[in-house]
Amino acid sequence: MNRSTDLQIIAGKYKGKKLASPTEDTVRPPLTRFRRALFDTLMPFLPHGPYLDLFGGSGSFAIEALSRGAPHATIVELNPKTASLIKKNFRTAGVEEPFELLQGDALEWLPKLGEEGKTFTTISVAPPYDQDLEDPILDIIDKYNMLDPHGVLFVQHPTHFHPKLDFKNIECWKTKKYGYTTFTYFYTKDEED
């Protein structure tokens, strides 16, 4: 199945740019209506700091974030072929903003970024379904306090799955269901909590 025309940037500087989709079974290209709802929610946060995409896939989330004003993106992608596709999509879209593509396991890269003191205003956690990566990823983000104050992170997961909600530094803001897909949003806890 050729999905190369299924993805395009929805809004902002790169609106209308078409992106190629990975063909691997573990990659779920996000439907346009999901991305539109998601990025309409993220829009107020994007211009205020760096964006982190922990499961890069096609790169569409990161390119959409940059298109809508994020000043920098860091993308982590495990599969070397998919990482190459992300680079191709960035070239195809003509992305001018700085970005960093880290090829490897998000569970290995995330602690390294945390130990370096990296923080992000917006964080995307959209792992392959049914691999139970959501909670370990959230634990690492919380441990290293990687979400900027006034930032937001989201977890894309199957509706039947319920991510952990009890953390020291982050708390659940809201959950939005779209059939079999759910977005759970978190923000940084207030200092006095």
Protein backbone atom coordinates (compact mmCIF):
# COMPACT_ATOMS: atom_id res chain seq x y z
CA MET A 1 0.00 0.00 0.00
CA ASN A 2 1.41 3.41 -0.93
CA ARG A 3 0.70 5.89 1.84
CA SER A 4 3.11 8.55 0.61
CA THR A 5 0.38 11.11 -0.09
CA ASP A 6 -1.63 10.45 3.08
CA LEU A 7 0.38 12.94 5.13
CA GLN A 8 0.67 16.63 4.67
CA ILE A 9 1.38 19.53 6.98
CA ILE A 10 -1.87 21.09 8.16
CA ALA A 11 -0.98 24.66 9.14
CA GLY A 12 1.76 27.21 9.47
CA LYS A 13 4.91 27.89 7.51
CA TYR A 14 5.01 24.45 5.80
CA LYS A 15 1.26 24.07 5.28
CA GLY A 16 0.40 21.74 2.40
CA LYS A 17 3.84 20.08 2.19
CA LYS A 18 3.37 16.37 1.46
CA LEU A 19 5.34 13.80 3.44
CA ALA A 20 6.19 10.16 2.80
CA SER A 21 4.98 7.58 5.33
CA PRO A 22 7.01 4.69 6.72
CA THR A 23 5.89 1.27 5.56
CA GLU A 24 6.77 -0.56 8.80
CA ASP A 25 3.79 -2.14 10.57
CA THR A 26 4.77 -0.60 13.91
CA VAL A 27 4.41 2.96 12.59
CA ARG A 28 0.95 4.55 12.68
CA PRO A 29 0.82 7.64 10.50
CA PRO A 30 -1.44 10.03 12.40
CA LEU A 31 -4.72 10.83 10.70
CA THR A 32 -5.20 14.45 9.70
CA ARG A 33 -8.13 14.98 12.06
CA PHE A 34 -6.06 13.70 15.01
CA ARG A 35 -3.11 15.93 14.14
CA ARG A 36 -5.38 18.94 13.64
CA ALA A 37 -7.03 18.51 17.07
CA LEU A 38 -3.70 17.76 18.71
CA PHE A 39 -1.83 20.73 17.27
CA ASP A 40 -4.72 23.11 17.87
CA THR A 41 -4.29 22.17 21.55
CA LEU A 42 -0.48 22.48 21.42
CA MET A 43 -0.42 25.74 19.43
CA PRO A 44 -0.19 28.14 22.42
CA PHE A 45 2.88 26.25 23.72
CA LEU A 46 4.91 25.66 20.55
CA PRO A 47 6.57 29.07 20.05
CA HIS A 48 7.89 29.15 23.62
CA GLY A 49 10.61 26.52 23.45
CA PRO A 50 11.99 23.29 22.01
CA TYR A 51 9.85 20.35 20.90
CA LEU A 52 10.73 16.71 21.64
CA ASP A 53 9.29 13.86 19.55
CA LEU A 54 10.21 10.53 21.13
CA PHE A 55 8.92 8.21 18.41
CA GLY A 56 9.61 10.08 15.17
CA GLY A 57 7.78 7.90 12.65
CA SER A 58 7.39 10.01 9.52
CA GLY A 59 8.54 13.19 11.28
CA SER A 60 5.11 14.72 10.70
CA PHE A 61 4.61 15.73 14.36
CA ALA A 62 8.00 17.47 14.50
CA ILE A 63 7.53 19.20 11.13
CA GLU A 64 4.02 20.31 12.14
CA ALA A 65 5.45 21.70 15.41
CA LEU A 66 8.18 23.63 13.56
CA SER A 67 5.66 24.81 10.98
CA ARG A 68 3.57 26.29 13.79
CA GLY A 69 6.41 28.12 15.50
CA ALA A 70 8.51 25.74 17.60
CA PRO A 71 12.09 27.11 17.45
CA HIS A 72 13.82 23.70 17.56
CA ALA A 73 12.92 20.01 17.40
CA THR A 74 14.63 16.92 18.76
CA ILE A 75 13.41 13.65 17.27
CA VAL A 76 14.22 10.14 18.50
CA GLU A 77 13.61 7.23 16.11
CA LEU A 78 14.67 3.62 16.65
CA ASN A 79 14.45 2.27 13.09
CA PRO A 80 17.34 3.37 10.81
CA LYS A 81 15.15 3.22 7.66
CA THR A 82 12.50 5.35 9.32
CA ALA A 83 15.16 7.81 10.56
CA SER A 84 16.33 8.18 6.94
CA LEU A 85 12.74 8.83 5.88
CA ILE A 86 12.46 11.57 8.51
CA LYS A 87 15.54 13.29 7.04
CA LYS A 88 13.99 12.99 3.57
CA ASN A 89 10.69 14.49 4.78
CA PHE A 90 12.52 17.41 6.41
CA ARG A 91 14.31 18.08 3.10
CA THR A 92 11.08 17.70 1.09
CA ALA A 93 9.25 20.13 3.38
CA GLY A 94 12.15 22.60 3.18
CA VAL A 95 12.47 22.83 6.97
CA GLU A 96 14.77 25.71 7.90
CA GLU A 97 14.54 25.53 11.70
CA PRO A 98 17.24 23.61 13.57
CA PHE A 99 16.49 20.02 14.46
CA GLU A 100 18.36 17.08 15.91
CA LEU A 101 17.60 13.51 14.86
CA LEU A 102 18.77 10.88 17.35
CA GLN A 103 18.69 7.36 15.94
CA GLY A 104 18.15 4.79 18.67
CA ASP A 105 15.91 3.67 21.50
CA ALA A 106 13.89 6.38 23.25
CA LEU A 107 14.35 4.56 26.58
CA GLU A 108 18.13 4.96 26.15
CA TRP A 109 18.20 8.49 24.68
CA LEU A 110 15.76 10.06 27.13
CA PRO A 111 17.91 9.54 30.28
CA LYS A 112 20.94 10.89 28.38
CA LEU A 113 19.01 14.04 27.48
CA GLY A 114 17.80 14.28 31.09
CA GLU A 115 21.32 13.94 32.48
CA GLU A 116 22.41 16.75 30.14
CA GLY A 117 19.73 18.92 31.76
CA LYS A 118 17.69 19.22 28.56
CA THR A 119 14.13 20.44 28.98
CA PHE A 120 11.36 20.88 26.44
CA THR A 121 8.27 23.05 26.18
CA THR A 122 6.34 20.45 24.20
CA ILE A 123 6.89 16.69 24.31
CA SER A 124 5.32 14.07 22.04
CA VAL A 125 5.02 10.47 23.28
CA ALA A 126 3.40 8.35 20.56
CA PRO A 127 5.01 4.91 20.81
CA PRO A 128 3.98 1.81 18.88
CA TYR A 129 0.78 0.47 20.41
CA ASP A 130 0.85 -2.52 22.74
CA GLN A 131 4.57 -2.27 23.58
CA ASP A 132 3.89 -0.76 27.02
CA LEU A 133 6.38 2.08 26.58
CA GLU A 134 4.15 4.93 27.76
CA ASP A 135 4.64 4.56 31.53
CA PRO A 136 8.43 4.00 31.46
CA ILE A 137 8.81 7.07 29.22
CA LEU A 138 6.65 9.19 31.53
CA ASP A 139 8.67 7.98 34.53
CA ILE A 140 11.93 9.16 32.92
CA ILE A 141 10.48 12.54 31.91
CA ASP A 142 9.23 13.00 35.46
CA LYS A 143 12.48 11.80 37.09
CA TYR A 144 14.60 14.32 35.17
CA ASN A 145 11.92 17.05 35.28
CA MET A 146 12.26 17.44 31.50
CA LEU A 147 9.02 19.35 30.86
CA ASP A 148 9.46 23.12 31.09
CA PRO A 149 7.25 25.02 33.52
CA HIS A 150 4.26 26.13 31.45
CA GLY A 151 4.97 23.32 28.98
CA VAL A 152 2.79 20.43 27.85
CA LEU A 153 3.37 16.83 26.89
CA PHE A 154 0.96 14.41 25.31
CA VAL A 155 0.76 10.65 25.14
CA GLN A 156 -0.99 9.06 22.16
CA HIS A 157 -2.28 5.64 23.14
CA PRO A 158 -5.04 3.15 22.42
CA THR A 159 -8.26 4.10 24.17
CA HIS A 160 -8.32 0.83 26.14
CA PHE A 161 -4.93 1.70 27.72
CA HIS A 162 -4.74 4.07 30.68
CA PRO A 163 -1.31 5.63 31.30
CA LYS A 164 0.01 6.14 34.79
CA LEU A 165 -1.16 9.47 36.24
CA ASP A 166 0.71 9.75 39.57
CA PHE A 167 3.99 11.66 39.23
CA LYS A 168 6.14 14.02 41.27
CA ASN A 169 6.68 16.76 38.64
CA ILE A 170 3.91 16.35 36.06
CA GLU A 171 0.15 15.93 36.29
CA CYS A 172 -2.67 15.04 33.95
CA TRP A 173 -4.35 18.04 32.35
CA LYS A 174 -6.98 16.37 30.18
CA THR A 175 -7.80 13.36 28.03
CA LYS A 176 -9.37 13.49 24.56
CA LYS A 177 -10.74 10.33 22.93
CA TYR A 178 -11.05 9.81 19.18
CA GLY A 179 -12.44 6.31 18.71
CA TYR A 180 -9.60 3.83 19.25
CA THR A 181 -7.03 6.61 19.81
CA THR A 182 -6.72 8.78 22.90
CA PHE A 183 -4.48 11.75 23.68
CA THR A 184 -3.65 12.24 27.36
CA TYR A 185 -2.09 15.63 28.10
CA PHE A 186 0.19 16.47 31.03
CA TYR A 187 1.66 19.72 32.32
CA THR A 188 4.20 20.64 35.00
CA LYS A 189 2.89 20.69 38.56
CA ASP A 190 2.92 24.02 40.37
CA GLU A 191 5.78 24.45 42.85
CA GLU A 192 3.41 24.48 45.84
CA ASP A 193 1.73 21.15 44.92
